[in-house]
Amino acid sequence: MRAGLLAVGIAGAAVLVTAPAAAAQAAEGGGTITVTPRSAPAGAEVDLRVIGCDGVTGSASSAAFVSPARLAPSADDPTLFAEARVKSSAVPEAYPVSVTCDGVEGKVTGTLRVLDGSAAGASPAPSPTAPVHAGGGGTAERQALAVHRAPAAAPSEGPGTRHALIGLGLAAVAAVAVAVRSVRRRRSPGSPTRR
């Protein structure tokens, strides 16, 4: 039993030591912010987890973010969670992340390091450099244009001679089958015969 607990403890310590992608940064007020990944290229998305806000909402802002991230309760309370997108125009450097909650600005602070996309060997995903004002109007307009531009369907033609002949043949086969069956019933030994 002790050996099993010791193995579990060693495995847990190994996971904590080998997981540098996310780092919890403690604030003076006792709160912490975890940015995952701690270093990300421009255009990437990062996860934010905050402990230390008494309320159920808040916001995290940074000059590296496209827009402030709205914090909301996560499944593992008392953590607040949000996703934020790094500007595609963000210069590689360390950016402060400031959390506003409980009416206090900067209650929890942390850091996000933006990596050089060319050094990482991958081009950053395209992303907006400012908040996107989305609405349904553009979609509805495109759908209306698509309806007007759709080619008219070809006029539907009825069945041709071939279809008519197949239908007549099937009807004849069915009529013969019914006639044969009724003749067999009349000749069966248990049925009365007419004279």
Protein backbone atom coordinates (compact mmCIF):
# COMPACT_ATOMS: atom_id res chain seq x y z
CA MET A 1 0.00 0.00 0.00
CA ARG A 2 2.81 2.42 0.94
CA ALA A 3 4.67 1.57 -2.27
CA GLY A 4 1.55 2.35 -4.32
CA LEU A 5 1.03 5.72 -2.60
CA LEU A 6 4.73 6.54 -3.05
CA ALA A 7 4.50 5.72 -6.79
CA VAL A 8 1.42 7.93 -7.16
CA GLY A 9 3.19 10.79 -5.33
CA ILE A 10 6.30 10.50 -7.52
CA ALA A 11 4.19 10.41 -10.70
CA GLY A 12 2.26 13.51 -9.59
CA ALA A 13 5.49 15.38 -8.84
CA ALA A 14 6.89 14.39 -12.26
CA VAL A 15 3.80 15.77 -13.99
CA LEU A 16 4.11 19.07 -12.12
CA VAL A 17 7.81 19.38 -12.93
CA THR A 18 7.42 18.52 -16.64
CA ALA A 19 4.42 20.80 -17.34
CA PRO A 20 5.97 24.23 -18.05
CA ALA A 21 3.32 25.10 -20.67
CA ALA A 22 1.00 26.53 -18.02
CA ALA A 23 2.19 28.55 -15.07
CA ALA A 24 0.13 29.91 -12.22
CA GLN A 25 1.20 33.37 -11.21
CA ALA A 26 0.25 34.57 -7.75
CA ALA A 27 -0.94 38.12 -7.15
CA GLU A 28 -0.46 40.27 -4.07
CA GLY A 29 -4.12 39.91 -3.13
CA GLY A 30 -3.83 36.13 -2.88
CA GLY A 31 -5.32 35.35 -6.28
CA THR A 32 -3.67 33.43 -9.10
CA ILE A 33 -3.92 33.46 -12.88
CA THR A 34 -2.94 30.52 -15.06
CA VAL A 35 -2.26 31.24 -18.73
CA THR A 36 -2.16 28.14 -20.95
CA PRO A 37 0.10 28.06 -22.86
CA ARG A 38 2.28 30.57 -21.05
CA SER A 39 4.07 31.38 -24.32
CA ALA A 40 2.10 31.53 -27.57
CA PRO A 41 2.65 32.83 -31.10
CA ALA A 42 0.70 35.77 -32.49
CA GLY A 43 -2.78 34.71 -33.62
CA ALA A 44 -3.00 31.80 -31.15
CA GLU A 45 -5.68 31.24 -28.54
CA VAL A 46 -4.85 30.95 -24.82
CA ASP A 47 -6.88 29.71 -21.85
CA LEU A 48 -7.11 31.81 -18.70
CA ARG A 49 -8.01 30.43 -15.26
CA VAL A 50 -8.32 32.82 -12.33
CA ILE A 51 -8.63 32.11 -8.61
CA GLY A 52 -9.18 34.95 -6.18
CA CYS A 53 -12.33 36.64 -7.44
CA ASP A 54 -15.24 36.42 -5.00
CA GLY A 55 -17.83 37.12 -7.71
CA VAL A 56 -18.85 34.94 -10.64
CA THR A 57 -17.68 37.27 -13.42
CA GLY A 58 -14.70 39.35 -14.33
CA SER A 59 -12.54 40.29 -17.28
CA ALA A 60 -8.93 39.76 -18.27
CA SER A 61 -7.25 42.29 -20.51
CA SER A 62 -3.87 42.65 -22.12
CA ALA A 63 -2.36 44.68 -24.93
CA ALA A 64 -1.66 41.29 -26.57
CA PHE A 65 -5.36 40.29 -26.70
CA VAL A 66 -7.73 41.09 -29.56
CA SER A 67 -10.30 42.14 -26.96
CA PRO A 68 -10.79 41.74 -23.19
CA ALA A 69 -11.75 38.20 -22.23
CA ARG A 70 -14.91 37.79 -20.16
CA LEU A 71 -14.37 35.47 -17.22
CA ALA A 72 -17.15 33.11 -16.16
CA PRO A 73 -17.38 30.22 -13.69
CA SER A 74 -15.68 27.04 -14.82
CA ALA A 75 -16.54 23.45 -14.06
CA ASP A 76 -13.86 23.28 -11.37
CA ASP A 77 -15.09 26.08 -9.10
CA PRO A 78 -13.95 28.43 -7.59
CA THR A 79 -12.04 29.09 -10.80
CA LEU A 80 -13.13 31.64 -13.40
CA PHE A 81 -12.32 30.72 -17.00
CA ALA A 82 -11.99 32.49 -20.35
CA GLU A 83 -10.38 32.08 -23.74
CA ALA A 84 -8.50 34.93 -25.34
CA ARG A 85 -7.04 35.33 -28.83
CA VAL A 86 -3.61 36.91 -29.25
CA LYS A 87 -3.50 39.67 -31.87
CA SER A 88 -1.90 38.56 -35.11
CA SER A 89 0.02 41.83 -35.02
CA ALA A 90 1.41 41.27 -31.49
CA VAL A 91 5.18 41.81 -31.29
CA PRO A 92 7.19 39.02 -29.63
CA GLU A 93 7.68 40.10 -25.99
CA ALA A 94 6.14 39.65 -22.52
CA TYR A 95 2.72 41.26 -22.04
CA PRO A 96 1.06 41.87 -18.66
CA VAL A 97 -2.40 40.35 -18.17
CA SER A 98 -4.66 42.21 -15.74
CA VAL A 99 -7.83 40.74 -14.20
CA THR A 100 -10.65 43.00 -13.05
CA CYS A 101 -13.18 41.47 -10.67
CA ASP A 102 -15.17 42.34 -7.56
CA GLY A 103 -15.03 45.99 -8.67
CA VAL A 104 -11.23 46.00 -8.34
CA GLU A 105 -9.11 46.69 -11.41
CA GLY A 106 -5.92 44.62 -11.60
CA LYS A 107 -6.90 42.42 -8.64
CA VAL A 108 -4.98 39.52 -10.20
CA THR A 109 -2.11 40.00 -12.64
CA GLY A 110 0.03 37.71 -14.75
CA THR A 111 2.14 37.59 -17.89
CA LEU A 112 1.82 36.17 -21.39
CA ARG A 113 4.89 35.83 -23.60
CA VAL A 114 4.20 36.22 -27.32
CA LEU A 115 6.60 34.13 -29.40
CA ASP A 116 8.09 34.97 -32.76
CA GLY A 117 6.01 32.98 -35.28
CA SER A 118 8.98 32.48 -37.66
CA ALA A 119 11.16 31.17 -34.83
CA ALA A 120 8.44 28.69 -33.85
CA GLY A 121 8.52 27.35 -37.43
CA ALA A 122 4.81 27.82 -38.04
CA SER A 123 2.89 30.69 -39.47
CA PRO A 124 0.32 32.09 -37.05
CA ALA A 125 -3.33 31.47 -37.70
CA PRO A 126 -5.06 34.53 -39.16
CA SER A 127 -6.98 36.46 -36.55
CA PRO A 128 -8.56 39.86 -36.22
CA THR A 129 -6.55 42.68 -34.70
CA ALA A 130 -9.64 44.28 -33.20
CA PRO A 131 -13.02 43.06 -31.95
CA VAL A 132 -15.26 41.78 -34.72
CA HIS A 133 -18.76 43.24 -34.92
CA ALA A 134 -20.80 40.25 -36.03
CA GLY A 135 -24.45 40.19 -36.99
CA GLY A 136 -26.90 38.16 -39.01
CA GLY A 137 -27.57 40.86 -41.61
CA GLY A 138 -24.68 39.93 -43.89
CA THR A 139 -25.59 36.28 -43.86
CA ALA A 140 -29.22 36.95 -44.73
CA GLU A 141 -28.15 39.22 -47.59
CA ARG A 142 -25.81 36.54 -49.00
CA GLN A 143 -28.56 33.92 -48.80
CA ALA A 144 -30.96 36.20 -50.67
CA LEU A 145 -28.35 36.75 -53.39
CA ALA A 146 -27.77 32.99 -53.62
CA VAL A 147 -31.49 32.41 -54.14
CA HIS A 148 -31.65 35.03 -56.89
CA ARG A 149 -28.53 33.71 -58.62
CA ALA A 150 -29.54 30.03 -58.49
CA PRO A 151 -30.23 28.68 -61.97
CA ALA A 152 -33.82 27.71 -62.68
CA ALA A 153 -34.47 23.99 -62.47
CA ALA A 154 -35.06 22.19 -65.74
CA PRO A 155 -38.75 21.58 -66.41
CA SER A 156 -39.78 18.19 -65.13
CA GLU A 157 -40.78 15.74 -67.82
CA GLY A 158 -43.36 13.05 -67.19
CA PRO A 159 -42.78 9.35 -67.72
CA GLY A 160 -41.83 8.37 -71.25
CA THR A 161 -42.94 5.49 -73.44
CA ARG A 162 -40.50 3.13 -71.78
CA HIS A 163 -41.97 3.82 -68.31
CA ALA A 164 -45.51 3.35 -69.61
CA LEU A 165 -44.65 -0.05 -71.15
CA ILE A 166 -42.97 -1.24 -67.93
CA GLY A 167 -46.04 -0.17 -65.93
CA LEU A 168 -48.40 -2.01 -68.29
CA GLY A 169 -46.24 -5.13 -68.13
CA LEU A 170 -46.23 -5.13 -64.31
CA ALA A 171 -50.02 -4.65 -64.26
CA ALA A 172 -50.48 -7.58 -66.65
CA VAL A 173 -48.28 -9.84 -64.49
CA ALA A 174 -50.27 -8.88 -61.39
CA ALA A 175 -53.59 -9.57 -63.18
CA VAL A 176 -52.38 -13.02 -64.32
CA ALA A 177 -51.19 -13.85 -60.77
CA VAL A 178 -54.59 -12.92 -59.32
CA ALA A 179 -56.42 -14.94 -61.97
CA VAL A 180 -54.24 -18.03 -61.38
CA ARG A 181 -54.75 -17.81 -57.65
CA SER A 182 -58.53 -17.54 -57.94
CA VAL A 183 -58.63 -20.55 -60.33
CA ARG A 184 -56.61 -22.61 -57.84
CA ARG A 185 -58.98 -21.72 -55.03
CA ARG A 186 -61.97 -22.89 -57.04
CA ARG A 187 -60.34 -26.24 -57.76
CA SER A 188 -59.16 -26.95 -54.21
CA PRO A 189 -60.80 -30.07 -52.67
CA GLY A 190 -62.48 -28.25 -49.79
CA SER A 191 -64.19 -25.54 -51.82
CA PRO A 192 -67.69 -26.02 -53.29
CA THR A 193 -67.82 -26.35 -57.05
CA ARG A 194 -70.49 -24.84 -59.25
CA ARG A 195 -72.41 -26.92 -61.76
